[in-house]
Amino acid sequence: MSGLWVGVGWFGLARRRVGASAVVYAVRRDWPDWRTHEFVAPRLMQADAERAASAERAYWRRSPARPAFSVVRISVNDFRIHRDRRDCRAPDCAVETPHRAEQPRS
């Protein structure tokens, strides 16, 4: 069965399988020393992904290697493919976008 389990699944919270063409929000970890990144914690809503990013930030806060975190929109298929990549440095991977576009200067 294709797709991805999205959600937490602990303490009675619902997990849901979504199809490969769906779009989810995920936390992107950027490692400064290795100049690589990875995607973790797929969620259906952006607010849930932002909470997951703050939990990731709290977990890595005391570590000597502190990655930078951002929330990105990514397709389930791209997330699943990227999960098997190690040391990804591809420039076409999903990056954080601003919440709204800047207004043109007049």
PDB file of N, CA and C in Angstrom:
ATOM      1  N   MET A   1       0.843  -1.172   0.000  1.00  0.00           N
ATOM      2  CA  MET A   1       0.000   0.000   0.000  1.00  0.00           C
ATOM      3  C   MET A   1       0.888   1.235   0.000  1.00  0.00           C
ATOM      4  N   SER A   2       0.655   2.145  -0.933  1.00  0.00           N
ATOM      5  CA  SER A   2       1.473   3.343  -1.016  1.00  0.00           C
ATOM      6  C   SER A   2       0.897   4.422  -0.109  1.00  0.00           C
ATOM      7  N   GLY A   3       1.674   5.455   0.101  1.00  0.00           N
ATOM      8  CA  GLY A   3       1.250   6.545   0.950  1.00  0.00           C
ATOM      9  C   GLY A   3       2.171   6.676   2.148  1.00  0.00           C
ATOM     10  N   LEU A   4       1.741   7.489   3.100  1.00  0.00           N
ATOM     11  CA  LEU A   4       2.560   7.801   4.254  1.00  0.00           C
ATOM     12  C   LEU A   4       1.655   7.975   5.462  1.00  0.00           C
ATOM     13  N   TRP A   5       2.087   7.454   6.607  1.00  0.00           N
ATOM     14  CA  TRP A   5       1.357   7.670   7.841  1.00  0.00           C
ATOM     15  C   TRP A   5       1.690   9.068   8.342  1.00  0.00           C
ATOM     16  N   VAL A   6       0.671   9.884   8.566  1.00  0.00           N
ATOM     17  CA  VAL A   6       0.860  11.259   9.014  1.00  0.00           C
ATOM     18  C   VAL A   6       0.163  11.421  10.347  1.00  0.00           C
ATOM     19  N   GLY A   7       0.813  12.063  11.279  1.00  0.00           N
ATOM     20  CA  GLY A   7       0.250  12.294  12.600  1.00  0.00           C
ATOM     21  C   GLY A   7       1.162  11.743  13.664  1.00  0.00           C
ATOM     22  N   VAL A   8       0.731  11.865  14.894  1.00  0.00           N
ATOM     23  CA  VAL A   8       1.591  11.496  16.009  1.00  0.00           C
ATOM     24  C   VAL A   8       1.389  10.053  16.420  1.00  0.00           C
ATOM     25  N   GLY A   9       0.169   9.653  16.697  1.00  0.00           N
ATOM     26  CA  GLY A   9      -0.105   8.278  17.050  1.00  0.00           C
ATOM     27  C   GLY A   9       0.116   7.912  18.506  1.00  0.00           C
ATOM     28  N   TRP A  10       0.433   8.859  19.352  1.00  0.00           N
ATOM     29  CA  TRP A  10       0.652   8.597  20.766  1.00  0.00           C
ATOM     30  C   TRP A  10      -0.525   9.142  21.573  1.00  0.00           C
ATOM     31  N   PHE A  11      -0.831   8.493  22.658  1.00  0.00           N
ATOM     32  CA  PHE A  11      -1.848   8.948  23.611  1.00  0.00           C
ATOM     33  C   PHE A  11      -3.195   9.184  22.946  1.00  0.00           C
ATOM     34  N   GLY A  12      -3.560   8.327  22.013  1.00  0.00           N
ATOM     35  CA  GLY A  12      -4.882   8.400  21.412  1.00  0.00           C
ATOM     36  C   GLY A  12      -5.020   9.381  20.275  1.00  0.00           C
ATOM     37  N   LEU A  13      -3.960  10.064  19.892  1.00  0.00           N
ATOM     38  CA  LEU A  13      -4.057  10.991  18.770  1.00  0.00           C
ATOM     39  C   LEU A  13      -4.106  10.199  17.464  1.00  0.00           C
ATOM     40  N   ALA A  14      -4.890  10.666  16.551  1.00  0.00           N
ATOM     41  CA  ALA A  14      -5.138   9.921  15.320  1.00  0.00           C
ATOM     42  C   ALA A  14      -3.975  10.019  14.352  1.00  0.00           C
ATOM     43  N   ARG A  15      -3.655   8.896  13.728  1.00  0.00           N
ATOM     44  CA  ARG A  15      -2.726   8.861  12.616  1.00  0.00           C
ATOM     45  C   ARG A  15      -3.543   8.537  11.383  1.00  0.00           C
ATOM     46  N   ARG A  16      -3.098   8.992  10.264  1.00  0.00           N
ATOM     47  CA  ARG A  16      -3.864   8.807   9.048  1.00  0.00           C
ATOM     48  C   ARG A  16      -2.918   8.533   7.887  1.00  0.00           C
ATOM     49  N   ARG A  17      -3.295   7.613   7.024  1.00  0.00           N
ATOM     50  CA  ARG A  17      -2.493   7.336   5.833  1.00  0.00           C
ATOM     51  C   ARG A  17      -3.000   8.230   4.714  1.00  0.00           C
ATOM     52  N   VAL A  18      -2.074   8.965   4.105  1.00  0.00           N
ATOM     53  CA  VAL A  18      -2.428   9.842   2.989  1.00  0.00           C
ATOM     54  C   VAL A  18      -1.748   9.329   1.733  1.00  0.00           C
ATOM     55  N   GLY A  19      -2.326   9.640   0.603  1.00  0.00           N
ATOM     56  CA  GLY A  19      -1.810   9.165  -0.677  1.00  0.00           C
ATOM     57  C   GLY A  19      -0.543   9.874  -1.107  1.00  0.00           C
ATOM     58  N   ALA A  20       0.110   9.321  -2.116  1.00  0.00           N
ATOM     59  CA  ALA A  20       1.397   9.854  -2.575  1.00  0.00           C
ATOM     60  C   ALA A  20       1.269  11.223  -3.224  1.00  0.00           C
ATOM     61  N   SER A  21       0.102  11.583  -3.706  1.00  0.00           N
ATOM     62  CA  SER A  21      -0.056  12.877  -4.370  1.00  0.00           C
ATOM     63  C   SER A  21      -0.461  13.989  -3.405  1.00  0.00           C
ATOM     64  N   ALA A  22      -0.699  13.675  -2.151  1.00  0.00           N
ATOM     65  CA  ALA A  22      -1.120  14.687  -1.174  1.00  0.00           C
ATOM     66  C   ALA A  22       0.059  15.581  -0.795  1.00  0.00           C
ATOM     67  N   VAL A  23      -0.274  16.742  -0.264  1.00  0.00           N
ATOM     68  CA  VAL A  23       0.743  17.687   0.201  1.00  0.00           C
ATOM     69  C   VAL A  23       0.669  17.751   1.715  1.00  0.00           C
ATOM     70  N   VAL A  24       1.821  17.644   2.370  1.00  0.00           N
ATOM     71  CA  VAL A  24       1.888  17.705   3.828  1.00  0.00           C
ATOM     72  C   VAL A  24       2.894  18.786   4.227  1.00  0.00           C
ATOM     73  N   TYR A  25       2.884  19.111   5.493  1.00  0.00           N
ATOM     74  CA  TYR A  25       3.868  20.029   6.061  1.00  0.00           C
ATOM     75  C   TYR A  25       4.862  19.193   6.852  1.00  0.00           C
ATOM     76  N   ALA A  26       6.143  19.485   6.687  1.00  0.00           N
ATOM     77  CA  ALA A  26       7.175  18.728   7.375  1.00  0.00           C
ATOM     78  C   ALA A  26       8.209  19.685   7.963  1.00  0.00           C
ATOM     79  N   VAL A  27       8.949  19.185   8.929  1.00  0.00           N
ATOM     80  CA  VAL A  27      10.029  19.956   9.539  1.00  0.00           C
ATOM     81  C   VAL A  27      11.310  19.653   8.763  1.00  0.00           C
ATOM     82  N   ARG A  28      11.993  20.702   8.349  1.00  0.00           N
ATOM     83  CA  ARG A  28      13.271  20.542   7.653  1.00  0.00           C
ATOM     84  C   ARG A  28      14.397  20.865   8.624  1.00  0.00           C
ATOM     85  N   ARG A  29      15.324  19.924   8.781  1.00  0.00           N
ATOM     86  CA  ARG A  29      16.523  20.125   9.605  1.00  0.00           C
ATOM     87  C   ARG A  29      17.687  20.434   8.674  1.00  0.00           C
ATOM     88  N   ASP A  30      18.306  21.587   8.855  1.00  0.00           N
ATOM     89  CA  ASP A  30      19.503  21.946   8.092  1.00  0.00           C
ATOM     90  C   ASP A  30      20.708  21.845   9.000  1.00  0.00           C
ATOM     91  N   TRP A  31      21.641  20.980   8.640  1.00  0.00           N
ATOM     92  CA  TRP A  31      22.843  20.772   9.436  1.00  0.00           C
ATOM     93  C   TRP A  31      23.940  21.698   8.926  1.00  0.00           C
ATOM     94  N   PRO A  32      24.425  22.615   9.770  1.00  0.00           N
ATOM     95  CA  PRO A  32      25.413  23.590   9.293  1.00  0.00           C
ATOM     96  C   PRO A  32      26.788  22.985   9.021  1.00  0.00           C
ATOM     97  N   ASP A  33      27.205  22.019   9.795  1.00  0.00           N
ATOM     98  CA  ASP A  33      28.548  21.463   9.626  1.00  0.00           C
ATOM     99  C   ASP A  33      28.674  20.660   8.333  1.00  0.00           C
ATOM    100  N   TRP A  34      27.628  19.907   8.012  1.00  0.00           N
ATOM    101  CA  TRP A  34      27.694  19.034   6.840  1.00  0.00           C
ATOM    102  C   TRP A  34      27.036  19.642   5.613  1.00  0.00           C
ATOM    103  N   ARG A  35      26.384  20.805   5.796  1.00  0.00           N
ATOM    104  CA  ARG A  35      25.666  21.483   4.711  1.00  0.00           C
ATOM    105  C   ARG A  35      24.685  20.538   4.019  1.00  0.00           C
ATOM    106  N   THR A  36      23.954  19.810   4.820  1.00  0.00           N
ATOM    107  CA  THR A  36      22.963  18.872   4.312  1.00  0.00           C
ATOM    108  C   THR A  36      21.672  19.087   5.091  1.00  0.00           C
ATOM    109  N   HIS A  37      20.612  18.414   4.683  1.00  0.00           N
ATOM    110  CA  HIS A  37      19.314  18.596   5.330  1.00  0.00           C
ATOM    111  C   HIS A  37      18.535  17.284   5.311  1.00  0.00           C
ATOM    112  N   GLU A  38      17.474  17.265   6.107  1.00  0.00           N
ATOM    113  CA  GLU A  38      16.564  16.116   6.124  1.00  0.00           C
ATOM    114  C   GLU A  38      15.179  16.604   6.516  1.00  0.00           C
ATOM    115  N   PHE A  39      14.168  15.837   6.145  1.00  0.00           N
ATOM    116  CA  PHE A  39      12.785  16.166   6.469  1.00  0.00           C
ATOM    117  C   PHE A  39      12.259  15.151   7.477  1.00  0.00           C
ATOM    118  N   VAL A  40      11.594  15.646   8.530  1.00  0.00           N
ATOM    119  CA  VAL A  40      11.033  14.796   9.570  1.00  0.00           C
ATOM    120  C   VAL A  40       9.646  15.315   9.942  1.00  0.00           C
ATOM    121  N   ALA A  41       8.915  14.525  10.698  1.00  0.00           N
ATOM    122  CA  ALA A  41       7.629  14.897  11.303  1.00  0.00           C
ATOM    123  C   ALA A  41       6.610  15.425  10.299  1.00  0.00           C
ATOM    124  N   PRO A  42       6.126  14.591   9.393  1.00  0.00           N
ATOM    125  CA  PRO A  42       5.088  15.059   8.468  1.00  0.00           C
ATOM    126  C   PRO A  42       3.764  15.260   9.193  1.00  0.00           C
ATOM    127  N   ARG A  43       3.101  16.362   8.898  1.00  0.00           N
ATOM    128  CA  ARG A  43       1.811  16.690   9.503  1.00  0.00           C
ATOM    129  C   ARG A  43       0.860  17.199   8.423  1.00  0.00           C
ATOM    130  N   LEU A  44      -0.432  17.101   8.688  1.00  0.00           N
ATOM    131  CA  LEU A  44      -1.433  17.560   7.730  1.00  0.00           C
ATOM    132  C   LEU A  44      -1.645  19.065   7.784  1.00  0.00           C
ATOM    133  N   MET A  45      -1.465  19.665   8.954  1.00  0.00           N
ATOM    134  CA  MET A  45      -1.690  21.098   9.106  1.00  0.00           C
ATOM    135  C   MET A  45      -0.399  21.809   9.483  1.00  0.00           C
ATOM    136  N   GLN A  46      -0.282  23.051   9.052  1.00  0.00           N
ATOM    137  CA  GLN A  46       0.934  23.809   9.304  1.00  0.00           C
ATOM    138  C   GLN A  46       1.130  24.074  10.796  1.00  0.00           C
ATOM    139  N   ALA A  47       0.063  24.315  11.522  1.00  0.00           N
ATOM    140  CA  ALA A  47       0.185  24.570  12.964  1.00  0.00           C
ATOM    141  C   ALA A  47       0.763  23.356  13.686  1.00  0.00           C
ATOM    142  N   ASP A  48       0.344  22.157  13.292  1.00  0.00           N
ATOM    143  CA  ASP A  48       0.895  20.941  13.896  1.00  0.00           C
ATOM    144  C   ASP A  48       2.376  20.783  13.563  1.00  0.00           C
ATOM    145  N   ALA A  49       2.756  21.138  12.335  1.00  0.00           N
ATOM    146  CA  ALA A  49       4.160  21.048  11.947  1.00  0.00           C
ATOM    147  C   ALA A  49       5.003  22.073  12.696  1.00  0.00           C
ATOM    148  N   GLU A  50       4.445  23.251  12.962  1.00  0.00           N
ATOM    149  CA  GLU A  50       5.189  24.248  13.735  1.00  0.00           C
ATOM    150  C   GLU A  50       5.385  23.796  15.176  1.00  0.00           C
ATOM    151  N   ARG A  51       4.389  23.117  15.740  1.00  0.00           N
ATOM    152  CA  ARG A  51       4.569  22.549  17.083  1.00  0.00           C
ATOM    153  C   ARG A  51       5.626  21.453  17.072  1.00  0.00           C
ATOM    154  N   ALA A  52       5.651  20.646  16.025  1.00  0.00           N
ATOM    155  CA  ALA A  52       6.675  19.610  15.906  1.00  0.00           C
ATOM    156  C   ALA A  52       8.061  20.242  15.752  1.00  0.00           C
ATOM    157  N   ALA A  53       8.145  21.367  15.048  1.00  0.00           N
ATOM    158  CA  ALA A  53       9.430  22.059  14.898  1.00  0.00           C
ATOM    159  C   ALA A  53       9.914  22.611  16.230  1.00  0.00           C
ATOM    160  N   SER A  54       9.007  23.129  17.037  1.00  0.00           N
ATOM    161  CA  SER A  54       9.428  23.628  18.352  1.00  0.00           C
ATOM    162  C   SER A  54       9.854  22.479  19.258  1.00  0.00           C
ATOM    163  N   ALA A  55       9.222  21.321  19.135  1.00  0.00           N
ATOM    164  CA  ALA A  55       9.651  20.151  19.907  1.00  0.00           C
ATOM    165  C   ALA A  55      11.025  19.669  19.442  1.00  0.00           C
ATOM    166  N   GLU A  56      11.262  19.683  18.136  1.00  0.00           N
ATOM    167  CA  GLU A  56      12.577  19.320  17.606  1.00  0.00           C
ATOM    168  C   GLU A  56      13.644  20.299  18.108  1.00  0.00           C
ATOM    169  N   ARG A  57      13.316  21.582  18.094  1.00  0.00           N
ATOM    170  CA  ARG A  57      14.250  22.606  18.561  1.00  0.00           C
ATOM    171  C   ARG A  57      14.586  22.394  20.034  1.00  0.00           C
ATOM    172  N   ALA A  58      13.591  22.061  20.843  1.00  0.00           N
ATOM    173  CA  ALA A  58      13.828  21.811  22.266  1.00  0.00           C
ATOM    174  C   ALA A  58      14.677  20.563  22.470  1.00  0.00           C
ATOM    175  N   TYR A  59      14.469  19.556  21.647  1.00  0.00           N
ATOM    176  CA  TYR A  59      15.255  18.325  21.768  1.00  0.00           C
ATOM    177  C   TYR A  59      16.730  18.570  21.439  1.00  0.00           C
ATOM    178  N   TRP A  60      17.008  19.312  20.379  1.00  0.00           N
ATOM    179  CA  TRP A  60      18.376  19.517  19.918  1.00  0.00           C
ATOM    180  C   TRP A  60      19.065  20.706  20.589  1.00  0.00           C
ATOM    181  N   ARG A  61      18.371  21.424  21.467  1.00  0.00           N
ATOM    182  CA  ARG A  61      18.916  22.646  22.064  1.00  0.00           C
ATOM    183  C   ARG A  61      20.219  22.401  22.820  1.00  0.00           C
ATOM    184  N   ARG A  62      20.348  21.312  23.538  1.00  0.00           N
ATOM    185  CA  ARG A  62      21.540  21.044  24.347  1.00  0.00           C
ATOM    186  C   ARG A  62      22.615  20.256  23.610  1.00  0.00           C
ATOM    187  N   SER A  63      22.378  19.947  22.382  1.00  0.00           N
ATOM    188  CA  SER A  63      23.338  19.159  21.611  1.00  0.00           C
ATOM    189  C   SER A  63      24.480  20.044  21.097  1.00  0.00           C
ATOM    190  N   PRO A  64      25.662  19.494  20.936  1.00  0.00           N
ATOM    191  CA  PRO A  64      26.738  20.288  20.334  1.00  0.00           C
ATOM    192  C   PRO A  64      26.497  20.566  18.848  1.00  0.00           C
ATOM    193  N   ALA A  65      25.736  19.715  18.185  1.00  0.00           N
ATOM    194  CA  ALA A  65      25.363  19.943  16.784  1.00  0.00           C
ATOM    195  C   ALA A  65      23.935  20.446  16.762  1.00  0.00           C
ATOM    196  N   ARG A  66      23.755  21.735  16.478  1.00  0.00           N
ATOM    197  CA  ARG A  66      22.417  22.318  16.502  1.00  0.00           C
ATOM    198  C   ARG A  66      21.957  22.642  15.082  1.00  0.00           C
ATOM    199  N   PRO A  67      21.005  21.891  14.574  1.00  0.00           N
ATOM    200  CA  PRO A  67      20.502  22.193  13.230  1.00  0.00           C
ATOM    201  C   PRO A  67      19.542  23.382  13.261  1.00  0.00           C
ATOM    202  N   ALA A  68      19.342  23.970  12.093  1.00  0.00           N
ATOM    203  CA  ALA A  68      18.329  25.012  11.924  1.00  0.00           C
ATOM    204  C   ALA A  68      17.037  24.329  11.489  1.00  0.00           C
ATOM    205  N   PHE A  69      15.902  24.842  11.947  1.00  0.00           N
ATOM    206  CA  PHE A  69      14.615  24.217  11.658  1.00  0.00           C
ATOM    207  C   PHE A  69      13.725  25.166  10.884  1.00  0.00           C
ATOM    208  N   SER A  70      12.942  24.606   9.975  1.00  0.00           N
ATOM    209  CA  SER A  70      11.918  25.354   9.263  1.00  0.00           C
ATOM    210  C   SER A  70      10.793  24.394   8.898  1.00  0.00           C
ATOM    211  N   VAL A  71       9.624  24.952   8.622  1.00  0.00           N
ATOM    212  CA  VAL A  71       8.461  24.165   8.219  1.00  0.00           C
ATOM    213  C   VAL A  71       8.259  24.372   6.726  1.00  0.00           C
ATOM    214  N   VAL A  72       8.149  23.273   5.984  1.00  0.00           N
ATOM    215  CA  VAL A  72       8.018  23.335   4.531  1.00  0.00           C
ATOM    216  C   VAL A  72       6.805  22.538   4.070  1.00  0.00           C
ATOM    217  N   ARG A  73       6.285  22.917   2.902  1.00  0.00           N
ATOM    218  CA  ARG A  73       5.253  22.122   2.232  1.00  0.00           C
ATOM    219  C   ARG A  73       5.959  21.185   1.280  1.00  0.00           C
ATOM    220  N   ILE A  74       5.591  19.921   1.332  1.00  0.00           N
ATOM    221  CA  ILE A  74       6.251  18.929   0.493  1.00  0.00           C
ATOM    222  C   ILE A  74       5.226  17.847   0.145  1.00  0.00           C
ATOM    223  N   SER A  75       5.338  17.289  -1.035  1.00  0.00           N
ATOM    224  CA  SER A  75       4.423  16.210  -1.404  1.00  0.00           C
ATOM    225  C   SER A  75       4.831  14.940  -0.663  1.00  0.00           C
ATOM    226  N   VAL A  76       3.876  14.070  -0.467  1.00  0.00           N
ATOM    227  CA  VAL A  76       4.136  12.815   0.232  1.00  0.00           C
ATOM    228  C   VAL A  76       5.152  11.979  -0.533  1.00  0.00           C
ATOM    229  N   ASN A  77       5.047  11.988  -1.856  1.00  0.00           N
ATOM    230  CA  ASN A  77       5.993  11.219  -2.661  1.00  0.00           C
ATOM    231  C   ASN A  77       7.423  11.747  -2.485  1.00  0.00           C
ATOM    232  N   ASP A  78       7.602  13.075  -2.525  1.00  0.00           N
ATOM    233  CA  ASP A  78       8.934  13.647  -2.325  1.00  0.00           C
ATOM    234  C   ASP A  78       9.461  13.364  -0.920  1.00  0.00           C
ATOM    235  N   PHE A  79       8.574  13.420   0.071  1.00  0.00           N
ATOM    236  CA  PHE A  79       8.991  13.120   1.446  1.00  0.00           C
ATOM    237  C   PHE A  79       9.470  11.671   1.552  1.00  0.00           C
ATOM    238  N   ARG A  80       8.719  10.761   0.952  1.00  0.00           N
ATOM    239  CA  ARG A  80       9.081   9.346   1.021  1.00  0.00           C
ATOM    240  C   ARG A  80      10.385   9.065   0.276  1.00  0.00           C
ATOM    241  N   ILE A  81      10.580   9.685  -0.878  1.00  0.00           N
ATOM    242  CA  ILE A  81      11.829   9.511  -1.623  1.00  0.00           C
ATOM    243  C   ILE A  81      12.998  10.098  -0.845  1.00  0.00           C
ATOM    244  N   HIS A  82      12.786  11.252  -0.259  1.00  0.00           N
ATOM    245  CA  HIS A  82      13.866  11.939   0.459  1.00  0.00           C
ATOM    246  C   HIS A  82      14.251  11.215   1.736  1.00  0.00           C
ATOM    247  N   ARG A  83      13.352  10.437   2.292  1.00  0.00           N
ATOM    248  CA  ARG A  83      13.632   9.705   3.533  1.00  0.00           C
ATOM    249  C   ARG A  83      14.784   8.721   3.354  1.00  0.00           C
ATOM    250  N   ASP A  84      14.961   8.199   2.150  1.00  0.00           N
ATOM    251  CA  ASP A  84      16.025   7.232   1.897  1.00  0.00           C
ATOM    252  C   ASP A  84      17.340   7.885   1.473  1.00  0.00           C
ATOM    253  N   ARG A  85      17.316   9.189   1.210  1.00  0.00           N
ATOM    254  CA  ARG A  85      18.546   9.888   0.833  1.00  0.00           C
ATOM    255  C   ARG A  85      19.315  10.273   2.083  1.00  0.00           C
ATOM    256  N   ARG A  86      20.591  10.065   2.058  1.00  0.00           N
ATOM    257  CA  ARG A  86      21.455  10.520   3.143  1.00  0.00           C
ATOM    258  C   ARG A  86      22.386  11.576   2.576  1.00  0.00           C
ATOM    259  N   ASP A  87      22.653  12.589   3.358  1.00  0.00           N
ATOM    260  CA  ASP A  87      23.530  13.690   2.955  1.00  0.00           C
ATOM    261  C   ASP A  87      23.046  14.359   1.676  1.00  0.00           C
ATOM    262  N   CYS A  88      21.776  14.711   1.636  1.00  0.00           N
ATOM    263  CA  CYS A  88      21.204  15.374   0.466  1.00  0.00           C
ATOM    264  C   CYS A  88      21.670  16.830   0.429  1.00  0.00           C
ATOM    265  N   ARG A  89      22.203  17.229  -0.706  1.00  0.00           N
ATOM    266  CA  ARG A  89      22.626  18.604  -0.923  1.00  0.00           C
ATOM    267  C   ARG A  89      21.945  19.188  -2.161  1.00  0.00           C
ATOM    268  N   ALA A  90      20.875  18.579  -2.594  1.00  0.00           N
ATOM    269  CA  ALA A  90      20.199  19.014  -3.820  1.00  0.00           C
ATOM    270  C   ALA A  90      19.572  20.395  -3.630  1.00  0.00           C
ATOM    271  N   PRO A  91      19.774  21.301  -4.568  1.00  0.00           N
ATOM    272  CA  PRO A  91      19.204  22.643  -4.427  1.00  0.00           C
ATOM    273  C   PRO A  91      17.710  22.704  -4.702  1.00  0.00           C
ATOM    274  N   ASP A  92      17.120  21.660  -5.252  1.00  0.00           N
ATOM    275  CA  ASP A  92      15.703  21.698  -5.601  1.00  0.00           C
ATOM    276  C   ASP A  92      14.796  21.115  -4.522  1.00  0.00           C
ATOM    277  N   CYS A  93      15.310  20.825  -3.350  1.00  0.00           N
ATOM    278  CA  CYS A  93      14.463  20.332  -2.267  1.00  0.00           C
ATOM    279  C   CYS A  93      13.617  21.470  -1.698  1.00  0.00           C
ATOM    280  N   ALA A  94      12.536  21.111  -1.052  1.00  0.00           N
ATOM    281  CA  ALA A  94      11.605  22.106  -0.514  1.00  0.00           C
ATOM    282  C   ALA A  94      12.292  22.981   0.527  1.00  0.00           C
ATOM    283  N   VAL A  95      12.005  24.282   0.461  1.00  0.00           N
ATOM    284  CA  VAL A  95      12.534  25.247   1.430  1.00  0.00           C
ATOM    285  C   VAL A  95      11.377  26.029   2.019  1.00  0.00           C
ATOM    286  N   GLU A  96      11.651  26.696   3.120  1.00  0.00           N
ATOM    287  CA  GLU A  96      10.624  27.484   3.789  1.00  0.00           C
ATOM    288  C   GLU A  96      10.237  28.673   2.924  1.00  0.00           C
ATOM    289  N   THR A  97       8.946  28.940   2.852  1.00  0.00           N
ATOM    290  CA  THR A  97       8.462  30.097   2.112  1.00  0.00           C
ATOM    291  C   THR A  97       7.848  31.085   3.090  1.00  0.00           C
ATOM    292  N   PRO A  98       7.899  32.369   2.778  1.00  0.00           N
ATOM    293  CA  PRO A  98       7.277  33.340   3.685  1.00  0.00           C
ATOM    294  C   PRO A  98       5.773  33.149   3.701  1.00  0.00           C
ATOM    295  N   HIS A  99       5.147  33.573   4.779  1.00  0.00           N
ATOM    296  CA  HIS A  99       3.702  33.394   4.916  1.00  0.00           C
ATOM    297  C   HIS A  99       2.925  34.204   3.887  1.00  0.00           C
ATOM    298  N   ARG A 100       3.460  35.333   3.489  1.00  0.00           N
ATOM    299  CA  ARG A 100       2.784  36.132   2.464  1.00  0.00           C
ATOM    300  C   ARG A 100       3.841  36.773   1.571  1.00  0.00           C
ATOM    301  N   ALA A 101       3.440  37.062   0.362  1.00  0.00           N
ATOM    302  CA  ALA A 101       4.367  37.654  -0.591  1.00  0.00           C
ATOM    303  C   ALA A 101       4.585  39.124  -0.239  1.00  0.00           C
ATOM    304  N   GLU A 102       5.783  39.615  -0.520  1.00  0.00           N
ATOM    305  CA  GLU A 102       6.066  41.014  -0.264  1.00  0.00           C
ATOM    306  C   GLU A 102       5.308  41.878  -1.253  1.00  0.00           C
ATOM    307  N   GLN A 103       4.944  43.066  -0.800  1.00  0.00           N
ATOM    308  CA  GLN A 103       4.263  44.013  -1.667  1.00  0.00           C
ATOM    309  C   GLN A 103       5.282  44.688  -2.570  1.00  0.00           C
ATOM    310  N   PRO A 104       4.959  44.884  -3.843  1.00  0.00           N
ATOM    311  CA  PRO A 104       5.908  45.560  -4.740  1.00  0.00           C
ATOM    312  C   PRO A 104       6.086  47.012  -4.316  1.00  0.00           C
ATOM    313  N   ARG A 105       7.313  47.475  -4.426  1.00  0.00           N
ATOM    314  CA  ARG A 105       7.600  48.883  -4.068  1.00  0.00           C
ATOM    315  C   ARG A 105       7.205  49.785  -5.214  1.00  0.00           C
ATOM    316  N   SER A 106       6.632  50.902  -4.851  1.00  0.00           N
ATOM    317  CA  SER A 106       6.221  51.833  -5.912  1.00  0.00           C
ATOM    318  C   SER A 106       7.106  53.043  -5.983  1.00  0.00           C
TER     319      SER A 106
END
